[in-house]
Amino acid sequence: MGKEPYSAYSSRLSLYPEIFYILFSQLYKTHIYIDFFVTILYNIFREVINLTEYLTAYMKRITESLEKCSNPDELNEILREHLCKIEFMQHERIVHFLVTFMFAVVLCIFMSVLIFSQNIFVLILVTIILVLLGFYIKHYYFLENTVQKMYVVYDEILEKRRVLTGEKKEG
């Protein structure tokens, strides 16, 4: 009889390490996922800031070059470079549109899962995706407006070329 309580007690104790292992392994996996998403967020924000600074500096430089330009050959070089940048930014814009749309769809899916499961980890994931989507929308807005400004600068380059070459305006 002395061994029964001891064996029953020891069998209950042997369950605790398994429970703790399951609990901590789940927390560790969640920590890895959160760390993974935070790393992704940091890298995306860094790239967005770099692209924003690059585009702002480019628009300033191209506007200054256009104002100083008085040679048709130099103006044609500015025009070629500007058309190339417009193509790059149009590509960048469509990629960011598709990624933004994808994140919106993923957000809707995870919000549906959250409504039905009410899981705290899904809530954390929805929050991360929502923050990321907000920044993607802000960046897409910047890209869209910058490409529109690039079109205006393109028209200004064409107008200046007409003035420098003495062409008459069509239409």
N, C-alpha and C. Protein backbone atom coordinates (compact mmCIF):
# COMPACT_ATOMS: atom_id res chain seq x y z
N MET A 1 0.80 -1.17 0.00
CA MET A 1 0.00 0.00 0.00
C MET A 1 0.86 1.26 0.00
N GLY A 2 2.03 1.17 0.59
CA GLY A 2 2.94 2.32 0.63
C GLY A 2 3.44 2.69 -0.75
N LYS A 3 3.49 1.71 -1.68
CA LYS A 3 4.01 2.01 -3.00
C LYS A 3 2.95 2.59 -3.92
N GLU A 4 1.70 2.31 -3.67
CA GLU A 4 0.65 2.83 -4.56
C GLU A 4 0.60 4.34 -4.59
N PRO A 5 0.51 5.02 -3.44
CA PRO A 5 0.47 6.49 -3.53
C PRO A 5 1.72 7.05 -4.19
N TYR A 6 2.85 6.42 -3.92
CA TYR A 6 4.08 6.90 -4.51
C TYR A 6 4.05 6.73 -6.02
N SER A 7 3.60 5.56 -6.50
CA SER A 7 3.57 5.33 -7.94
C SER A 7 2.51 6.23 -8.60
N ALA A 8 1.37 6.44 -7.93
CA ALA A 8 0.35 7.32 -8.49
C ALA A 8 0.88 8.76 -8.53
N TYR A 9 1.58 9.15 -7.46
CA TYR A 9 2.14 10.49 -7.42
C TYR A 9 3.22 10.66 -8.50
N SER A 10 4.07 9.66 -8.64
CA SER A 10 5.15 9.77 -9.61
C SER A 10 4.60 9.74 -11.04
N SER A 11 3.49 9.03 -11.29
CA SER A 11 2.93 9.02 -12.63
C SER A 11 2.33 10.39 -12.97
N ARG A 12 1.76 11.07 -11.96
CA ARG A 12 1.26 12.42 -12.20
C ARG A 12 2.42 13.37 -12.47
N LEU A 13 3.51 13.23 -11.76
CA LEU A 13 4.68 14.08 -11.99
C LEU A 13 5.28 13.85 -13.37
N SER A 14 5.20 12.64 -13.86
CA SER A 14 5.78 12.36 -15.18
C SER A 14 4.97 13.02 -16.29
N LEU A 15 3.70 13.37 -16.01
CA LEU A 15 2.91 14.09 -17.00
C LEU A 15 3.32 15.56 -17.10
N TYR A 16 3.78 16.16 -15.99
CA TYR A 16 4.11 17.58 -16.00
C TYR A 16 5.19 17.95 -17.02
N PRO A 17 6.27 17.20 -17.10
CA PRO A 17 7.27 17.58 -18.12
C PRO A 17 6.70 17.52 -19.54
N GLU A 18 5.83 16.57 -19.80
CA GLU A 18 5.23 16.49 -21.13
C GLU A 18 4.33 17.70 -21.38
N ILE A 19 3.54 18.09 -20.40
CA ILE A 19 2.66 19.25 -20.55
C ILE A 19 3.50 20.51 -20.74
N PHE A 20 4.55 20.65 -19.89
CA PHE A 20 5.41 21.82 -20.03
C PHE A 20 6.12 21.83 -21.39
N TYR A 21 6.53 20.66 -21.83
CA TYR A 21 7.20 20.59 -23.14
C TYR A 21 6.24 21.04 -24.25
N ILE A 22 5.01 20.55 -24.21
CA ILE A 22 4.02 20.93 -25.24
C ILE A 22 3.74 22.43 -25.16
N LEU A 23 3.52 22.93 -23.94
CA LEU A 23 3.23 24.36 -23.77
C LEU A 23 4.40 25.22 -24.25
N PHE A 24 5.60 24.93 -23.80
CA PHE A 24 6.75 25.75 -24.16
C PHE A 24 7.14 25.59 -25.63
N SER A 25 6.93 24.40 -26.19
CA SER A 25 7.24 24.25 -27.61
C SER A 25 6.28 25.08 -28.45
N GLN A 26 5.01 25.17 -28.02
CA GLN A 26 4.05 26.01 -28.74
C GLN A 26 4.42 27.48 -28.60
N LEU A 27 4.81 27.88 -27.39
CA LEU A 27 5.23 29.27 -27.19
C LEU A 27 6.49 29.57 -27.99
N TYR A 28 7.42 28.63 -28.04
CA TYR A 28 8.65 28.83 -28.79
C TYR A 28 8.36 28.95 -30.29
N LYS A 29 7.47 28.09 -30.79
CA LYS A 29 7.09 28.17 -32.20
C LYS A 29 6.41 29.51 -32.49
N THR A 30 5.55 29.95 -31.59
CA THR A 30 4.90 31.24 -31.77
C THR A 30 5.93 32.36 -31.76
N HIS A 31 6.91 32.26 -30.86
CA HIS A 31 7.97 33.27 -30.82
C HIS A 31 8.74 33.28 -32.14
N ILE A 32 9.01 32.12 -32.69
CA ILE A 32 9.71 32.06 -33.98
C ILE A 32 8.88 32.71 -35.07
N TYR A 33 7.57 32.44 -35.09
CA TYR A 33 6.71 33.04 -36.11
C TYR A 33 6.66 34.57 -35.96
N ILE A 34 6.51 35.03 -34.72
CA ILE A 34 6.46 36.47 -34.49
C ILE A 34 7.79 37.10 -34.88
N ASP A 35 8.89 36.47 -34.49
CA ASP A 35 10.21 36.98 -34.87
C ASP A 35 10.38 37.00 -36.38
N PHE A 36 9.88 35.99 -37.06
CA PHE A 36 9.93 35.92 -38.51
C PHE A 36 9.16 37.08 -39.14
N PHE A 37 7.95 37.34 -38.65
CA PHE A 37 7.14 38.42 -39.20
C PHE A 37 7.73 39.80 -38.88
N VAL A 38 8.28 39.96 -37.70
CA VAL A 38 8.92 41.23 -37.36
C VAL A 38 10.13 41.47 -38.26
N THR A 39 10.90 40.44 -38.55
CA THR A 39 12.03 40.57 -39.45
C THR A 39 11.56 40.96 -40.85
N ILE A 40 10.50 40.34 -41.31
CA ILE A 40 9.94 40.69 -42.63
C ILE A 40 9.47 42.15 -42.62
N LEU A 41 8.77 42.55 -41.58
CA LEU A 41 8.29 43.93 -41.49
C LEU A 41 9.46 44.92 -41.52
N TYR A 42 10.50 44.63 -40.76
CA TYR A 42 11.66 45.52 -40.73
C TYR A 42 12.29 45.64 -42.11
N ASN A 43 12.48 44.53 -42.79
CA ASN A 43 13.11 44.56 -44.12
C ASN A 43 12.24 45.29 -45.13
N ILE A 44 10.95 45.10 -45.06
CA ILE A 44 10.04 45.79 -45.99
C ILE A 44 10.07 47.29 -45.72
N PHE A 45 10.00 47.70 -44.45
CA PHE A 45 10.04 49.12 -44.13
C PHE A 45 11.34 49.75 -44.59
N ARG A 46 12.44 49.03 -44.41
CA ARG A 46 13.74 49.56 -44.84
C ARG A 46 13.77 49.76 -46.35
N GLU A 47 13.26 48.79 -47.09
CA GLU A 47 13.23 48.91 -48.55
C GLU A 47 12.28 50.01 -49.01
N VAL A 48 11.15 50.15 -48.33
CA VAL A 48 10.19 51.20 -48.68
C VAL A 48 10.83 52.57 -48.46
N ILE A 49 11.53 52.73 -47.35
CA ILE A 49 12.19 54.00 -47.06
C ILE A 49 13.27 54.28 -48.10
N ASN A 50 14.04 53.25 -48.47
CA ASN A 50 15.08 53.44 -49.49
C ASN A 50 14.48 53.84 -50.83
N LEU A 51 13.40 53.19 -51.24
CA LEU A 51 12.77 53.52 -52.52
C LEU A 51 12.14 54.90 -52.47
N THR A 52 11.55 55.26 -51.36
CA THR A 52 10.95 56.58 -51.21
C THR A 52 12.03 57.67 -51.32
N GLU A 53 13.14 57.46 -50.61
CA GLU A 53 14.24 58.43 -50.68
C GLU A 53 14.81 58.49 -52.09
N TYR A 54 14.96 57.34 -52.74
CA TYR A 54 15.50 57.29 -54.08
C TYR A 54 14.61 58.07 -55.06
N LEU A 55 13.32 57.81 -55.00
CA LEU A 55 12.40 58.50 -55.92
C LEU A 55 12.33 59.99 -55.66
N THR A 56 12.33 60.38 -54.40
CA THR A 56 12.30 61.80 -54.07
C THR A 56 13.56 62.49 -54.59
N ALA A 57 14.71 61.87 -54.38
CA ALA A 57 15.97 62.45 -54.86
C ALA A 57 15.99 62.48 -56.40
N TYR A 58 15.48 61.44 -57.04
CA TYR A 58 15.46 61.41 -58.50
C TYR A 58 14.58 62.52 -59.05
N MET A 59 13.39 62.70 -58.48
CA MET A 59 12.49 63.74 -58.98
C MET A 59 13.11 65.13 -58.79
N LYS A 60 13.80 65.33 -57.69
CA LYS A 60 14.46 66.62 -57.48
C LYS A 60 15.58 66.82 -58.50
N ARG A 61 16.37 65.77 -58.73
CA ARG A 61 17.49 65.86 -59.67
C ARG A 61 17.00 66.08 -61.09
N ILE A 62 15.97 65.37 -61.51
CA ILE A 62 15.49 65.49 -62.89
C ILE A 62 14.87 66.87 -63.12
N THR A 63 14.20 67.40 -62.11
CA THR A 63 13.61 68.74 -62.23
C THR A 63 14.71 69.80 -62.35
N GLU A 64 15.75 69.66 -61.54
CA GLU A 64 16.87 70.60 -61.62
C GLU A 64 17.60 70.48 -62.96
N SER A 65 17.79 69.26 -63.43
CA SER A 65 18.45 69.05 -64.73
C SER A 65 17.64 69.66 -65.86
N LEU A 66 16.33 69.54 -65.77
CA LEU A 66 15.45 70.09 -66.80
C LEU A 66 15.52 71.62 -66.81
N GLU A 67 15.58 72.21 -65.64
CA GLU A 67 15.65 73.68 -65.56
C GLU A 67 16.97 74.20 -66.12
N LYS A 68 18.08 73.50 -65.88
CA LYS A 68 19.41 73.94 -66.31
C LYS A 68 19.70 73.61 -67.77
N CYS A 69 18.97 72.69 -68.34
CA CYS A 69 19.28 72.17 -69.69
C CYS A 69 18.96 73.23 -70.76
N SER A 70 19.94 73.40 -71.67
CA SER A 70 19.72 74.32 -72.79
C SER A 70 20.19 73.70 -74.11
N ASN A 71 20.61 72.47 -74.08
CA ASN A 71 21.13 71.77 -75.25
C ASN A 71 20.15 70.65 -75.64
N PRO A 72 19.71 70.58 -76.91
CA PRO A 72 18.77 69.52 -77.31
C PRO A 72 19.31 68.11 -77.13
N ASP A 73 20.61 67.90 -77.31
CA ASP A 73 21.18 66.56 -77.12
C ASP A 73 21.13 66.15 -75.65
N GLU A 74 21.45 67.10 -74.79
CA GLU A 74 21.37 66.83 -73.35
C GLU A 74 19.92 66.57 -72.94
N LEU A 75 19.00 67.30 -73.52
CA LEU A 75 17.58 67.11 -73.23
C LEU A 75 17.10 65.73 -73.69
N ASN A 76 17.59 65.28 -74.86
CA ASN A 76 17.23 63.93 -75.32
C ASN A 76 17.76 62.86 -74.38
N GLU A 77 18.95 63.08 -73.81
CA GLU A 77 19.50 62.14 -72.84
C GLU A 77 18.65 62.13 -71.57
N ILE A 78 18.23 63.31 -71.12
CA ILE A 78 17.33 63.39 -69.96
C ILE A 78 16.02 62.67 -70.26
N LEU A 79 15.50 62.86 -71.47
CA LEU A 79 14.25 62.21 -71.86
C LEU A 79 14.38 60.68 -71.85
N ARG A 80 15.49 60.17 -72.40
CA ARG A 80 15.70 58.70 -72.41
C ARG A 80 15.78 58.15 -70.99
N GLU A 81 16.54 58.84 -70.14
CA GLU A 81 16.66 58.39 -68.76
C GLU A 81 15.30 58.42 -68.06
N HIS A 82 14.56 59.49 -68.29
CA HIS A 82 13.26 59.64 -67.62
C HIS A 82 12.26 58.58 -68.08
N LEU A 83 12.26 58.28 -69.37
CA LEU A 83 11.37 57.22 -69.87
C LEU A 83 11.73 55.87 -69.26
N CYS A 84 13.01 55.62 -69.10
CA CYS A 84 13.45 54.37 -68.47
C CYS A 84 12.98 54.31 -67.01
N LYS A 85 13.10 55.41 -66.29
CA LYS A 85 12.65 55.45 -64.89
C LYS A 85 11.13 55.28 -64.80
N ILE A 86 10.42 55.88 -65.74
CA ILE A 86 8.96 55.70 -65.74
C ILE A 86 8.61 54.23 -65.90
N GLU A 87 9.29 53.54 -66.81
CA GLU A 87 9.04 52.10 -66.99
C GLU A 87 9.31 51.33 -65.71
N PHE A 88 10.44 51.63 -65.05
CA PHE A 88 10.76 50.94 -63.80
C PHE A 88 9.70 51.19 -62.75
N MET A 89 9.27 52.43 -62.63
CA MET A 89 8.31 52.76 -61.58
C MET A 89 6.92 52.21 -61.90
N GLN A 90 6.57 52.11 -63.18
CA GLN A 90 5.31 51.47 -63.53
C GLN A 90 5.34 49.99 -63.13
N HIS A 91 6.48 49.36 -63.36
CA HIS A 91 6.63 47.96 -62.95
C HIS A 91 6.55 47.84 -61.44
N GLU A 92 7.25 48.71 -60.74
CA GLU A 92 7.23 48.71 -59.28
C GLU A 92 5.81 48.93 -58.76
N ARG A 93 5.10 49.83 -59.42
CA ARG A 93 3.73 50.15 -59.01
C ARG A 93 2.82 48.94 -59.17
N ILE A 94 2.91 48.23 -60.29
CA ILE A 94 2.02 47.07 -60.49
C ILE A 94 2.37 45.94 -59.52
N VAL A 95 3.65 45.77 -59.24
CA VAL A 95 4.04 44.74 -58.27
C VAL A 95 3.49 45.08 -56.89
N HIS A 96 3.62 46.34 -56.48
CA HIS A 96 3.10 46.73 -55.18
C HIS A 96 1.57 46.67 -55.13
N PHE A 97 0.92 46.94 -56.25
CA PHE A 97 -0.53 46.79 -56.28
C PHE A 97 -0.92 45.33 -56.05
N LEU A 98 -0.25 44.42 -56.72
CA LEU A 98 -0.56 43.00 -56.58
C LEU A 98 -0.27 42.50 -55.16
N VAL A 99 0.85 42.95 -54.59
CA VAL A 99 1.17 42.54 -53.22
C VAL A 99 0.16 43.12 -52.23
N THR A 100 -0.22 44.37 -52.43
CA THR A 100 -1.22 44.99 -51.56
C THR A 100 -2.55 44.25 -51.65
N PHE A 101 -2.95 43.91 -52.86
CA PHE A 101 -4.19 43.16 -53.06
C PHE A 101 -4.10 41.79 -52.38
N MET A 102 -2.94 41.12 -52.53
CA MET A 102 -2.75 39.81 -51.91
C MET A 102 -2.86 39.92 -50.38
N PHE A 103 -2.22 40.94 -49.80
CA PHE A 103 -2.28 41.12 -48.36
C PHE A 103 -3.71 41.41 -47.91
N ALA A 104 -4.48 42.13 -48.70
CA ALA A 104 -5.87 42.39 -48.35
C ALA A 104 -6.68 41.10 -48.36
N VAL A 105 -6.44 40.24 -49.33
CA VAL A 105 -7.14 38.94 -49.39
C VAL A 105 -6.73 38.07 -48.20
N VAL A 106 -5.43 38.03 -47.90
CA VAL A 106 -4.95 37.25 -46.77
C VAL A 106 -5.54 37.79 -45.46
N LEU A 107 -5.62 39.11 -45.34
CA LEU A 107 -6.23 39.71 -44.15
C LEU A 107 -7.68 39.28 -44.01
N CYS A 108 -8.43 39.28 -45.10
CA CYS A 108 -9.83 38.84 -45.04
C CYS A 108 -9.94 37.38 -44.62
N ILE A 109 -9.06 36.56 -45.14
CA ILE A 109 -9.08 35.13 -44.78
C ILE A 109 -8.79 34.96 -43.29
N PHE A 110 -7.74 35.60 -42.79
CA PHE A 110 -7.39 35.44 -41.38
C PHE A 110 -8.40 36.11 -40.45
N MET A 111 -9.05 37.17 -40.90
CA MET A 111 -10.11 37.75 -40.08
C MET A 111 -11.30 36.80 -39.98
N SER A 112 -11.59 36.10 -41.07
CA SER A 112 -12.65 35.08 -41.02
C SER A 112 -12.28 33.97 -40.06
N VAL A 113 -11.03 33.54 -40.12
CA VAL A 113 -10.57 32.51 -39.19
C VAL A 113 -10.67 33.02 -37.76
N LEU A 114 -10.30 34.28 -37.54
CA LEU A 114 -10.36 34.85 -36.20
C LEU A 114 -11.79 34.90 -35.67
N ILE A 115 -12.72 35.24 -36.53
CA ILE A 115 -14.13 35.32 -36.10
C ILE A 115 -14.62 33.95 -35.64
N PHE A 116 -14.22 32.90 -36.35
CA PHE A 116 -14.72 31.57 -36.01
C PHE A 116 -13.90 30.86 -34.95
N SER A 117 -12.60 31.17 -34.84
CA SER A 117 -11.78 30.44 -33.89
C SER A 117 -11.51 31.21 -32.61
N GLN A 118 -11.47 32.53 -32.66
CA GLN A 118 -11.16 33.40 -31.54
C GLN A 118 -9.87 32.96 -30.84
N ASN A 119 -8.84 32.76 -31.65
CA ASN A 119 -7.53 32.33 -31.17
C ASN A 119 -6.64 33.56 -31.05
N ILE A 120 -5.90 33.66 -29.94
CA ILE A 120 -5.04 34.82 -29.69
C ILE A 120 -3.91 34.91 -30.72
N PHE A 121 -3.41 33.76 -31.17
CA PHE A 121 -2.32 33.77 -32.14
C PHE A 121 -2.80 34.27 -33.50
N VAL A 122 -4.02 33.94 -33.84
CA VAL A 122 -4.59 34.45 -35.09
C VAL A 122 -4.82 35.96 -34.97
N LEU A 123 -5.21 36.42 -33.78
CA LEU A 123 -5.36 37.85 -33.55
C LEU A 123 -4.04 38.59 -33.73
N ILE A 124 -2.96 38.02 -33.21
CA ILE A 124 -1.63 38.61 -33.39
C ILE A 124 -1.27 38.65 -34.87
N LEU A 125 -1.54 37.58 -35.57
CA LEU A 125 -1.25 37.51 -37.00
C LEU A 125 -2.08 38.52 -37.79
N VAL A 126 -3.35 38.66 -37.45
CA VAL A 126 -4.22 39.65 -38.11
C VAL A 126 -3.70 41.06 -37.86
N THR A 127 -3.25 41.33 -36.64
CA THR A 127 -2.71 42.64 -36.31
C THR A 127 -1.46 42.94 -37.13
N ILE A 128 -0.58 41.98 -37.24
CA ILE A 128 0.65 42.16 -38.03
C ILE A 128 0.30 42.40 -39.50
N ILE A 129 -0.60 41.61 -40.04
CA ILE A 129 -0.99 41.77 -41.45
C ILE A 129 -1.67 43.12 -41.66
N LEU A 130 -2.49 43.54 -40.71
CA LEU A 130 -3.17 44.83 -40.82
C LEU A 130 -2.18 45.99 -40.84
N VAL A 131 -1.19 45.94 -39.96
CA VAL A 131 -0.15 46.98 -39.94
C VAL A 131 0.63 46.97 -41.26
N LEU A 132 1.00 45.79 -41.69
CA LEU A 132 1.74 45.67 -42.95
C LEU A 132 0.91 46.18 -44.12
N LEU A 133 -0.37 45.87 -44.14
CA LEU A 133 -1.25 46.34 -45.21
C LEU A 133 -1.37 47.85 -45.20
N GLY A 134 -1.44 48.44 -44.02
CA GLY A 134 -1.49 49.90 -43.92
C GLY A 134 -0.26 50.55 -44.53
N PHE A 135 0.90 50.00 -44.23
CA PHE A 135 2.13 50.56 -44.81
C PHE A 135 2.21 50.31 -46.31
N TYR A 136 1.73 49.17 -46.76
CA TYR A 136 1.72 48.90 -48.21
C TYR A 136 0.80 49.88 -48.93
N ILE A 137 -0.36 50.16 -48.36
CA ILE A 137 -1.28 51.13 -48.98
C ILE A 137 -0.63 52.51 -49.03
N LYS A 138 0.03 52.91 -47.95
CA LYS A 138 0.72 54.21 -47.93
C LYS A 138 1.80 54.25 -49.00
N HIS A 139 2.58 53.20 -49.12
CA HIS A 139 3.66 53.17 -50.11
C HIS A 139 3.09 53.13 -51.53
N TYR A 140 2.03 52.38 -51.74
CA TYR A 140 1.42 52.34 -53.06
C TYR A 140 0.88 53.72 -53.44
N TYR A 141 0.31 54.41 -52.49
CA TYR A 141 -0.18 55.77 -52.71
C TYR A 141 0.98 56.68 -53.14
N PHE A 142 2.12 56.56 -52.45
CA PHE A 142 3.30 57.34 -52.82
C PHE A 142 3.76 56.99 -54.24
N LEU A 143 3.82 55.70 -54.55
CA LEU A 143 4.25 55.29 -55.89
C LEU A 143 3.30 55.82 -56.96
N GLU A 144 2.03 55.71 -56.74
CA GLU A 144 1.04 56.18 -57.71
C GLU A 144 1.19 57.68 -57.96
N ASN A 145 1.29 58.45 -56.89
CA ASN A 145 1.43 59.90 -57.04
C ASN A 145 2.74 60.27 -57.71
N THR A 146 3.82 59.56 -57.38
CA THR A 146 5.11 59.86 -57.99
C THR A 146 5.10 59.56 -59.47
N VAL A 147 4.49 58.46 -59.87
CA VAL A 147 4.42 58.14 -61.30
C VAL A 147 3.58 59.20 -62.02
N GLN A 148 2.53 59.68 -61.39
CA GLN A 148 1.75 60.76 -62.01
C GLN A 148 2.59 62.03 -62.17
N LYS A 149 3.42 62.33 -61.18
CA LYS A 149 4.32 63.48 -61.28
C LYS A 149 5.36 63.25 -62.39
N MET A 150 5.78 62.01 -62.55
CA MET A 150 6.75 61.70 -63.61
C MET A 150 6.13 61.94 -64.99
N TYR A 151 4.85 61.67 -65.13
CA TYR A 151 4.17 61.96 -66.40
C TYR A 151 4.17 63.47 -66.68
N VAL A 152 3.96 64.27 -65.64
CA VAL A 152 3.96 65.73 -65.80
C VAL A 152 5.36 66.19 -66.21
N VAL A 153 6.39 65.64 -65.57
CA VAL A 153 7.77 66.01 -65.93
C VAL A 153 8.06 65.57 -67.37
N TYR A 154 7.55 64.44 -67.78
CA TYR A 154 7.72 63.99 -69.16
C TYR A 154 7.11 65.01 -70.14
N ASP A 155 5.93 65.49 -69.83
CA ASP A 155 5.30 66.51 -70.68
C ASP A 155 6.14 67.79 -70.70
N GLU A 156 6.72 68.16 -69.56
CA GLU A 156 7.57 69.34 -69.50
C GLU A 156 8.83 69.15 -70.35
N ILE A 157 9.39 67.96 -70.34
CA ILE A 157 10.57 67.67 -71.17
C ILE A 157 10.21 67.81 -72.64
N LEU A 158 9.08 67.25 -73.03
CA LEU A 158 8.65 67.36 -74.44
C LEU A 158 8.42 68.81 -74.84
N GLU A 159 7.82 69.58 -73.95
CA GLU A 159 7.57 70.99 -74.24
C GLU A 159 8.88 71.75 -74.38
N LYS A 160 9.83 71.48 -73.50
CA LYS A 160 11.12 72.16 -73.58
C LYS A 160 11.86 71.75 -74.86
N ARG A 161 11.72 70.49 -75.26
CA ARG A 161 12.36 70.04 -76.51
C ARG A 161 11.74 70.78 -77.71
N ARG A 162 10.44 70.96 -77.69
CA ARG A 162 9.80 71.72 -78.76
C ARG A 162 10.33 73.15 -78.84
N VAL A 163 10.51 73.77 -77.66
CA VAL A 163 11.00 75.14 -77.61
C VAL A 163 12.44 75.20 -78.12
N LEU A 164 13.28 74.25 -77.67
CA LEU A 164 14.69 74.28 -78.05
C LEU A 164 14.90 73.96 -79.55
N THR A 165 14.07 73.08 -80.09
CA THR A 165 14.24 72.71 -81.50
C THR A 165 13.41 73.59 -82.42
N GLY A 166 12.54 74.40 -81.87
CA GLY A 166 11.73 75.30 -82.68
C GLY A 166 10.54 74.61 -83.34
N GLU A 167 10.16 73.43 -82.84
CA GLU A 167 8.99 72.74 -83.39
C GLU A 167 7.72 73.45 -82.94
N LYS A 168 6.69 73.30 -83.76
CA LYS A 168 5.39 73.83 -83.38
C LYS A 168 4.60 72.78 -82.63
N LYS A 169 3.81 73.22 -81.69
CA LYS A 169 2.99 72.32 -80.90
C LYS A 169 1.86 71.75 -81.76
N GLU A 170 1.67 70.44 -81.68
CA GLU A 170 0.60 69.78 -82.45
C GLU A 170 -0.73 69.96 -81.75
N GLY A 171 -1.77 70.04 -82.58
CA GLY A 171 -3.10 69.96 -82.15
C GLY A 171 -3.72 70.95 -81.36
